[in-house]
Amino acid sequence: MRKNTLVQRLNIIKGQINGLADLIEKEEDCRKITEQFYAINFALKKTMELYLRKNLISCLHSIAPKKKKTVEFLLKEIVKNK
């Protein structure tokens, strides 16, 4: 996965968040707002999965042995978000 692809996905998510904020400010239908929350959550999880799939090994190598909790957290997140 190329870096600019991840950045493009994040920019789309930013747009979704801005749209969600507008919906909330305008007090739009609760169902519409909830759907946007779920869409944003899914998009962010998918982007994180793509990033970690490509970069997990280098992320793990760069972590000092003292930071074992960070490694455990990353692995739990990956498993939880599958």
PDB file of N, CA and C in Angstrom:
ATOM      1  N   MET A   1       0.856  -1.185   0.000  1.00  0.00           N
ATOM      2  CA  MET A   1       0.000   0.000   0.000  1.00  0.00           C
ATOM      3  C   MET A   1       0.893   1.237   0.000  1.00  0.00           C
ATOM      4  N   ARG A   2       0.676   2.092  -0.952  1.00  0.00           N
ATOM      5  CA  ARG A   2       1.474   3.312  -1.047  1.00  0.00           C
ATOM      6  C   ARG A   2       1.003   4.339  -0.025  1.00  0.00           C
ATOM      7  N   LYS A   3       1.958   5.164   0.402  1.00  0.00           N
ATOM      8  CA  LYS A   3       1.658   6.179   1.404  1.00  0.00           C
ATOM      9  C   LYS A   3       0.548   7.109   0.947  1.00  0.00           C
ATOM     10  N   ASN A   4       0.590   7.527  -0.316  1.00  0.00           N
ATOM     11  CA  ASN A   4      -0.433   8.473  -0.773  1.00  0.00           C
ATOM     12  C   ASN A   4      -1.820   7.842  -0.813  1.00  0.00           C
ATOM     13  N   THR A   5      -1.893   6.511  -0.958  1.00  0.00           N
ATOM     14  CA  THR A   5      -3.191   5.839  -0.903  1.00  0.00           C
ATOM     15  C   THR A   5      -3.766   5.951   0.512  1.00  0.00           C
ATOM     16  N   LEU A   6      -2.920   5.754   1.510  1.00  0.00           N
ATOM     17  CA  LEU A   6      -3.362   5.903   2.896  1.00  0.00           C
ATOM     18  C   LEU A   6      -3.786   7.340   3.174  1.00  0.00           C
ATOM     19  N   VAL A   7      -3.013   8.280   2.678  1.00  0.00           N
ATOM     20  CA  VAL A   7      -3.343   9.695   2.878  1.00  0.00           C
ATOM     21  C   VAL A   7      -4.665  10.022   2.189  1.00  0.00           C
ATOM     22  N   GLN A   8      -4.898   9.478   1.008  1.00  0.00           N
ATOM     23  CA  GLN A   8      -6.173   9.696   0.314  1.00  0.00           C
ATOM     24  C   GLN A   8      -7.334   9.159   1.145  1.00  0.00           C
ATOM     25  N   ARG A   9      -7.159   7.963   1.701  1.00  0.00           N
ATOM     26  CA  ARG A   9      -8.204   7.388   2.547  1.00  0.00           C
ATOM     27  C   ARG A   9      -8.466   8.275   3.762  1.00  0.00           C
ATOM     28  N   LEU A  10      -7.391   8.766   4.374  1.00  0.00           N
ATOM     29  CA  LEU A  10      -7.557   9.637   5.547  1.00  0.00           C
ATOM     30  C   LEU A  10      -8.241  10.950   5.179  1.00  0.00           C
ATOM     31  N   ASN A  11      -7.950  11.465   4.006  1.00  0.00           N
ATOM     32  CA  ASN A  11      -8.629  12.688   3.568  1.00  0.00           C
ATOM     33  C   ASN A  11     -10.124  12.451   3.344  1.00  0.00           C
ATOM     34  N   ILE A  12     -10.463  11.274   2.835  1.00  0.00           N
ATOM     35  CA  ILE A  12     -11.881  10.930   2.682  1.00  0.00           C
ATOM     36  C   ILE A  12     -12.540  10.849   4.055  1.00  0.00           C
ATOM     37  N   ILE A  13     -11.853  10.239   5.007  1.00  0.00           N
ATOM     38  CA  ILE A  13     -12.389  10.130   6.366  1.00  0.00           C
ATOM     39  C   ILE A  13     -12.574  11.515   6.973  1.00  0.00           C
ATOM     40  N   LYS A  14     -11.609  12.419   6.731  1.00  0.00           N
ATOM     41  CA  LYS A  14     -11.762  13.806   7.217  1.00  0.00           C
ATOM     42  C   LYS A  14     -13.047  14.417   6.670  1.00  0.00           C
ATOM     43  N   GLY A  15     -13.292  14.202   5.387  1.00  0.00           N
ATOM     44  CA  GLY A  15     -14.511  14.729   4.776  1.00  0.00           C
ATOM     45  C   GLY A  15     -15.756  14.124   5.406  1.00  0.00           C
ATOM     46  N   GLN A  16     -15.699  12.830   5.702  1.00  0.00           N
ATOM     47  CA  GLN A  16     -16.830  12.179   6.362  1.00  0.00           C
ATOM     48  C   GLN A  16     -17.062  12.772   7.757  1.00  0.00           C
ATOM     49  N   ILE A  17     -15.984  13.027   8.473  1.00  0.00           N
ATOM     50  CA  ILE A  17     -16.102  13.603   9.818  1.00  0.00           C
ATOM     51  C   ILE A  17     -16.694  15.008   9.744  1.00  0.00           C
ATOM     52  N   ASN A  18     -16.234  15.793   8.780  1.00  0.00           N
ATOM     53  CA  ASN A  18     -16.796  17.137   8.617  1.00  0.00           C
ATOM     54  C   ASN A  18     -18.284  17.074   8.278  1.00  0.00           C
ATOM     55  N   GLY A  19     -18.646  16.119   7.416  1.00  0.00           N
ATOM     56  CA  GLY A  19     -20.051  15.938   7.074  1.00  0.00           C
ATOM     57  C   GLY A  19     -20.875  15.513   8.289  1.00  0.00           C
ATOM     58  N   LEU A  20     -20.296  14.653   9.111  1.00  0.00           N
ATOM     59  CA  LEU A  20     -20.969  14.210  10.326  1.00  0.00           C
ATOM     60  C   LEU A  20     -21.182  15.382  11.282  1.00  0.00           C
ATOM     61  N   ALA A  21     -20.169  16.212  11.429  1.00  0.00           N
ATOM     62  CA  ALA A  21     -20.305  17.386  12.293  1.00  0.00           C
ATOM     63  C   ALA A  21     -21.434  18.291  11.804  1.00  0.00           C
ATOM     64  N   ASP A  22     -21.529  18.443  10.489  1.00  0.00           N
ATOM     65  CA  ASP A  22     -22.622  19.252   9.923  1.00  0.00           C
ATOM     66  C   ASP A  22     -23.982  18.636  10.237  1.00  0.00           C
ATOM     67  N   LEU A  23     -24.082  17.320  10.096  1.00  0.00           N
ATOM     68  CA  LEU A  23     -25.340  16.644  10.401  1.00  0.00           C
ATOM     69  C   LEU A  23     -25.743  16.864  11.863  1.00  0.00           C
ATOM     70  N   ILE A  24     -24.773  16.772  12.736  1.00  0.00           N
ATOM     71  CA  ILE A  24     -25.052  16.954  14.162  1.00  0.00           C
ATOM     72  C   ILE A  24     -25.455  18.394  14.446  1.00  0.00           C
ATOM     73  N   GLU A  25     -24.730  19.352  13.859  1.00  0.00           N
ATOM     74  CA  GLU A  25     -25.066  20.771  14.061  1.00  0.00           C
ATOM     75  C   GLU A  25     -26.478  21.088  13.563  1.00  0.00           C
ATOM     76  N   LYS A  26     -26.875  20.457  12.460  1.00  0.00           N
ATOM     77  CA  LYS A  26     -28.195  20.712  11.885  1.00  0.00           C
ATOM     78  C   LYS A  26     -29.281  19.858  12.536  1.00  0.00           C
ATOM     79  N   GLU A  27     -28.865  19.041  13.509  1.00  0.00           N
ATOM     80  CA  GLU A  27     -29.792  18.151  14.219  1.00  0.00           C
ATOM     81  C   GLU A  27     -30.576  17.271  13.251  1.00  0.00           C
ATOM     82  N   GLU A  28     -29.837  16.671  12.332  1.00  0.00           N
ATOM     83  CA  GLU A  28     -30.453  15.775  11.347  1.00  0.00           C
ATOM     84  C   GLU A  28     -30.953  14.502  12.027  1.00  0.00           C
ATOM     85  N   ASP A  29     -31.583  13.670  11.234  1.00  0.00           N
ATOM     86  CA  ASP A  29     -32.148  12.414  11.694  1.00  0.00           C
ATOM     87  C   ASP A  29     -31.092  11.555  12.386  1.00  0.00           C
ATOM     88  N   CYS A  30     -31.457  10.998  13.532  1.00  0.00           N
ATOM     89  CA  CYS A  30     -30.555  10.167  14.335  1.00  0.00           C
ATOM     90  C   CYS A  30     -30.021   8.984  13.526  1.00  0.00           C
ATOM     91  N   ARG A  31     -30.850   8.374  12.713  1.00  0.00           N
ATOM     92  CA  ARG A  31     -30.426   7.222  11.914  1.00  0.00           C
ATOM     93  C   ARG A  31     -29.323   7.606  10.931  1.00  0.00           C
ATOM     94  N   LYS A  32     -29.473   8.748  10.300  1.00  0.00           N
ATOM     95  CA  LYS A  32     -28.485   9.227   9.340  1.00  0.00           C
ATOM     96  C   LYS A  32     -27.147   9.489  10.041  1.00  0.00           C
ATOM     97  N   ILE A  33     -27.221  10.089  11.225  1.00  0.00           N
ATOM     98  CA  ILE A  33     -26.011  10.381  12.002  1.00  0.00           C
ATOM     99  C   ILE A  33     -25.326   9.083  12.432  1.00  0.00           C
ATOM    100  N   THR A  34     -26.122   8.134  12.915  1.00  0.00           N
ATOM    101  CA  THR A  34     -25.570   6.857  13.362  1.00  0.00           C
ATOM    102  C   THR A  34     -24.900   6.115  12.207  1.00  0.00           C
ATOM    103  N   GLU A  35     -25.521   6.135  11.041  1.00  0.00           N
ATOM    104  CA  GLU A  35     -24.929   5.494   9.869  1.00  0.00           C
ATOM    105  C   GLU A  35     -23.574   6.102   9.537  1.00  0.00           C
ATOM    106  N   GLN A  36     -23.465   7.419   9.674  1.00  0.00           N
ATOM    107  CA  GLN A  36     -22.194   8.078   9.393  1.00  0.00           C
ATOM    108  C   GLN A  36     -21.123   7.693  10.410  1.00  0.00           C
ATOM    109  N   PHE A  37     -21.512   7.587  11.689  1.00  0.00           N
ATOM    110  CA  PHE A  37     -20.558   7.122  12.703  1.00  0.00           C
ATOM    111  C   PHE A  37     -20.009   5.749  12.320  1.00  0.00           C
ATOM    112  N   TYR A  38     -20.908   4.833  11.939  1.00  0.00           N
ATOM    113  CA  TYR A  38     -20.481   3.490  11.563  1.00  0.00           C
ATOM    114  C   TYR A  38     -19.606   3.508  10.307  1.00  0.00           C
ATOM    115  N   ALA A  39     -19.956   4.319   9.346  1.00  0.00           N
ATOM    116  CA  ALA A  39     -19.167   4.395   8.112  1.00  0.00           C
ATOM    117  C   ALA A  39     -17.760   4.915   8.392  1.00  0.00           C
ATOM    118  N   ILE A  40     -17.667   5.932   9.226  1.00  0.00           N
ATOM    119  CA  ILE A  40     -16.362   6.497   9.581  1.00  0.00           C
ATOM    120  C   ILE A  40     -15.538   5.468  10.346  1.00  0.00           C
ATOM    121  N   ASN A  41     -16.170   4.811  11.298  1.00  0.00           N
ATOM    122  CA  ASN A  41     -15.480   3.797  12.090  1.00  0.00           C
ATOM    123  C   ASN A  41     -14.938   2.684  11.195  1.00  0.00           C
ATOM    124  N   PHE A  42     -15.757   2.195  10.268  1.00  0.00           N
ATOM    125  CA  PHE A  42     -15.328   1.139   9.352  1.00  0.00           C
ATOM    126  C   PHE A  42     -14.170   1.612   8.481  1.00  0.00           C
ATOM    127  N   ALA A  43     -14.286   2.821   7.938  1.00  0.00           N
ATOM    128  CA  ALA A  43     -13.237   3.348   7.061  1.00  0.00           C
ATOM    129  C   ALA A  43     -11.917   3.500   7.807  1.00  0.00           C
ATOM    130  N   LEU A  44     -11.984   3.964   9.041  1.00  0.00           N
ATOM    131  CA  LEU A  44     -10.759   4.139   9.827  1.00  0.00           C
ATOM    132  C   LEU A  44     -10.139   2.788  10.180  1.00  0.00           C
ATOM    133  N   LYS A  45     -10.965   1.833  10.563  1.00  0.00           N
ATOM    134  CA  LYS A  45     -10.445   0.496  10.876  1.00  0.00           C
ATOM    135  C   LYS A  45      -9.793  -0.133   9.645  1.00  0.00           C
ATOM    136  N   LYS A  46     -10.435   0.016   8.499  1.00  0.00           N
ATOM    137  CA  LYS A  46      -9.893  -0.560   7.263  1.00  0.00           C
ATOM    138  C   LYS A  46      -8.564   0.097   6.899  1.00  0.00           C
ATOM    139  N   THR A  47      -8.466   1.401   7.071  1.00  0.00           N
ATOM    140  CA  THR A  47      -7.231   2.111   6.773  1.00  0.00           C
ATOM    141  C   THR A  47      -6.125   1.668   7.721  1.00  0.00           C
ATOM    142  N   MET A  48      -6.457   1.520   9.006  1.00  0.00           N
ATOM    143  CA  MET A  48      -5.479   1.052   9.982  1.00  0.00           C
ATOM    144  C   MET A  48      -5.019  -0.363   9.634  1.00  0.00           C
ATOM    145  N   GLU A  49      -5.941  -1.213   9.249  1.00  0.00           N
ATOM    146  CA  GLU A  49      -5.601  -2.585   8.877  1.00  0.00           C
ATOM    147  C   GLU A  49      -4.639  -2.600   7.690  1.00  0.00           C
ATOM    148  N   LEU A  50      -4.919  -1.787   6.680  1.00  0.00           N
ATOM    149  CA  LEU A  50      -4.046  -1.728   5.509  1.00  0.00           C
ATOM    150  C   LEU A  50      -2.652  -1.228   5.883  1.00  0.00           C
ATOM    151  N   TYR A  51      -2.604  -0.219   6.736  1.00  0.00           N
ATOM    152  CA  TYR A  51      -1.308   0.318   7.174  1.00  0.00           C
ATOM    153  C   TYR A  51      -0.526  -0.734   7.951  1.00  0.00           C
ATOM    154  N   LEU A  52      -1.186  -1.366   8.923  1.00  0.00           N
ATOM    155  CA  LEU A  52      -0.484  -2.340   9.753  1.00  0.00           C
ATOM    156  C   LEU A  52      -0.088  -3.580   8.964  1.00  0.00           C
ATOM    157  N   ARG A  53      -0.914  -3.995   8.030  1.00  0.00           N
ATOM    158  CA  ARG A  53      -0.578  -5.159   7.214  1.00  0.00           C
ATOM    159  C   ARG A  53       0.750  -4.931   6.491  1.00  0.00           C
ATOM    160  N   LYS A  54       0.952  -3.722   6.022  1.00  0.00           N
ATOM    161  CA  LYS A  54       2.170  -3.396   5.279  1.00  0.00           C
ATOM    162  C   LYS A  54       3.342  -3.060   6.205  1.00  0.00           C
ATOM    163  N   ASN A  55       3.067  -2.485   7.368  1.00  0.00           N
ATOM    164  CA  ASN A  55       4.130  -1.918   8.193  1.00  0.00           C
ATOM    165  C   ASN A  55       4.314  -2.549   9.565  1.00  0.00           C
ATOM    166  N   LEU A  56       3.565  -3.574   9.891  1.00  0.00           N
ATOM    167  CA  LEU A  56       3.615  -4.122  11.240  1.00  0.00           C
ATOM    168  C   LEU A  56       5.009  -4.613  11.627  1.00  0.00           C
ATOM    169  N   ILE A  57       5.667  -5.309  10.747  1.00  0.00           N
ATOM    170  CA  ILE A  57       6.992  -5.844  11.085  1.00  0.00           C
ATOM    171  C   ILE A  57       7.955  -4.715  11.404  1.00  0.00           C
ATOM    172  N   SER A  58       7.976  -3.667  10.584  1.00  0.00           N
ATOM    173  CA  SER A  58       8.885  -2.552  10.872  1.00  0.00           C
ATOM    174  C   SER A  58       8.463  -1.814  12.134  1.00  0.00           C
ATOM    175  N   CYS A  59       7.155  -1.740  12.398  1.00  0.00           N
ATOM    176  CA  CYS A  59       6.685  -1.117  13.639  1.00  0.00           C
ATOM    177  C   CYS A  59       7.187  -1.899  14.850  1.00  0.00           C
ATOM    178  N   LEU A  60       7.087  -3.207  14.765  1.00  0.00           N
ATOM    179  CA  LEU A  60       7.513  -4.042  15.888  1.00  0.00           C
ATOM    180  C   LEU A  60       9.024  -3.988  16.102  1.00  0.00           C
ATOM    181  N   HIS A  61       9.779  -3.942  15.021  1.00  0.00           N
ATOM    182  CA  HIS A  61      11.236  -3.879  15.149  1.00  0.00           C
ATOM    183  C   HIS A  61      11.695  -2.564  15.759  1.00  0.00           C
ATOM    184  N   SER A  62      10.946  -1.511  15.536  1.00  0.00           N
ATOM    185  CA  SER A  62      11.365  -0.197  16.040  1.00  0.00           C
ATOM    186  C   SER A  62      11.007   0.025  17.503  1.00  0.00           C
ATOM    187  N   ILE A  63      10.270  -0.901  18.097  1.00  0.00           N
ATOM    188  CA  ILE A  63       9.849  -0.748  19.490  1.00  0.00           C
ATOM    189  C   ILE A  63      10.884  -1.379  20.411  1.00  0.00           C
ATOM    190  N   ALA A  64      11.302  -0.600  21.410  1.00  0.00           N
ATOM    191  CA  ALA A  64      12.267  -1.094  22.385  1.00  0.00           C
ATOM    192  C   ALA A  64      11.647  -2.228  23.196  1.00  0.00           C
ATOM    193  N   PRO A  65      12.465  -3.183  23.610  1.00  0.00           N
ATOM    194  CA  PRO A  65      11.941  -4.307  24.391  1.00  0.00           C
ATOM    195  C   PRO A  65      11.142  -3.876  25.623  1.00  0.00           C
ATOM    196  N   LYS A  66      11.458  -2.722  26.185  1.00  0.00           N
ATOM    197  CA  LYS A  66      10.748  -2.222  27.364  1.00  0.00           C
ATOM    198  C   LYS A  66       9.280  -1.935  27.057  1.00  0.00           C
ATOM    199  N   LYS A  67       8.985  -1.717  25.806  1.00  0.00           N
ATOM    200  CA  LYS A  67       7.628  -1.317  25.415  1.00  0.00           C
ATOM    201  C   LYS A  67       6.798  -2.510  24.969  1.00  0.00           C
ATOM    202  N   LYS A  68       6.912  -3.598  25.664  1.00  0.00           N
ATOM    203  CA  LYS A  68       6.179  -4.805  25.310  1.00  0.00           C
ATOM    204  C   LYS A  68       4.669  -4.570  25.306  1.00  0.00           C
ATOM    205  N   LYS A  69       4.189  -3.709  26.192  1.00  0.00           N
ATOM    206  CA  LYS A  69       2.755  -3.422  26.250  1.00  0.00           C
ATOM    207  C   LYS A  69       2.271  -2.796  24.944  1.00  0.00           C
ATOM    208  N   THR A  70       3.101  -1.995  24.303  1.00  0.00           N
ATOM    209  CA  THR A  70       2.730  -1.381  23.033  1.00  0.00           C
ATOM    210  C   THR A  70       2.541  -2.457  21.963  1.00  0.00           C
ATOM    211  N   VAL A  71       3.451  -3.415  21.928  1.00  0.00           N
ATOM    212  CA  VAL A  71       3.354  -4.514  20.974  1.00  0.00           C
ATOM    213  C   VAL A  71       2.082  -5.313  21.244  1.00  0.00           C
ATOM    214  N   GLU A  72       1.831  -5.625  22.506  1.00  0.00           N
ATOM    215  CA  GLU A  72       0.633  -6.373  22.860  1.00  0.00           C
ATOM    216  C   GLU A  72      -0.626  -5.610  22.460  1.00  0.00           C
ATOM    217  N   PHE A  73      -0.617  -4.300  22.662  1.00  0.00           N
ATOM    218  CA  PHE A  73      -1.758  -3.479  22.275  1.00  0.00           C
ATOM    219  C   PHE A  73      -1.998  -3.552  20.771  1.00  0.00           C
ATOM    220  N   LEU A  74      -0.941  -3.398  19.987  1.00  0.00           N
ATOM    221  CA  LEU A  74      -1.076  -3.457  18.531  1.00  0.00           C
ATOM    222  C   LEU A  74      -1.648  -4.790  18.080  1.00  0.00           C
ATOM    223  N   LEU A  75      -1.148  -5.855  18.644  1.00  0.00           N
ATOM    224  CA  LEU A  75      -1.642  -7.177  18.260  1.00  0.00           C
ATOM    225  C   LEU A  75      -3.094  -7.372  18.656  1.00  0.00           C
ATOM    226  N   LYS A  76      -3.491  -6.895  19.831  1.00  0.00           N
ATOM    227  CA  LYS A  76      -4.882  -7.002  20.251  1.00  0.00           C
ATOM    228  C   LYS A  76      -5.789  -6.204  19.315  1.00  0.00           C
ATOM    229  N   GLU A  77      -5.350  -5.028  18.927  1.00  0.00           N
ATOM    230  CA  GLU A  77      -6.133  -4.196  18.004  1.00  0.00           C
ATOM    231  C   GLU A  77      -6.339  -4.877  16.668  1.00  0.00           C
ATOM    232  N   ILE A  78      -5.295  -5.504  16.182  1.00  0.00           N
ATOM    233  CA  ILE A  78      -5.389  -6.180  14.892  1.00  0.00           C
ATOM    234  C   ILE A  78      -6.401  -7.319  14.982  1.00  0.00           C
ATOM    235  N   VAL A  79      -6.298  -8.117  16.021  1.00  0.00           N
ATOM    236  CA  VAL A  79      -7.192  -9.254  16.180  1.00  0.00           C
ATOM    237  C   VAL A  79      -8.621  -8.775  16.406  1.00  0.00           C
ATOM    238  N   LYS A  80      -8.792  -7.760  17.246  1.00  0.00           N
ATOM    239  CA  LYS A  80     -10.121  -7.242  17.583  1.00  0.00           C
ATOM    240  C   LYS A  80     -10.818  -6.652  16.355  1.00  0.00           C
ATOM    241  N   ASN A  81     -10.066  -6.010  15.493  1.00  0.00           N
ATOM    242  CA  ASN A  81     -10.664  -5.316  14.351  1.00  0.00           C
ATOM    243  C   ASN A  81     -10.849  -6.196  13.134  1.00  0.00           C
ATOM    244  N   LYS A  82     -10.579  -7.446  13.223  1.00  0.00           N
ATOM    245  CA  LYS A  82     -10.762  -8.370  12.101  1.00  0.00           C
ATOM    246  C   LYS A  82     -12.192  -8.775  11.980  1.00  0.00           C
TER     247      LYS A  82
END
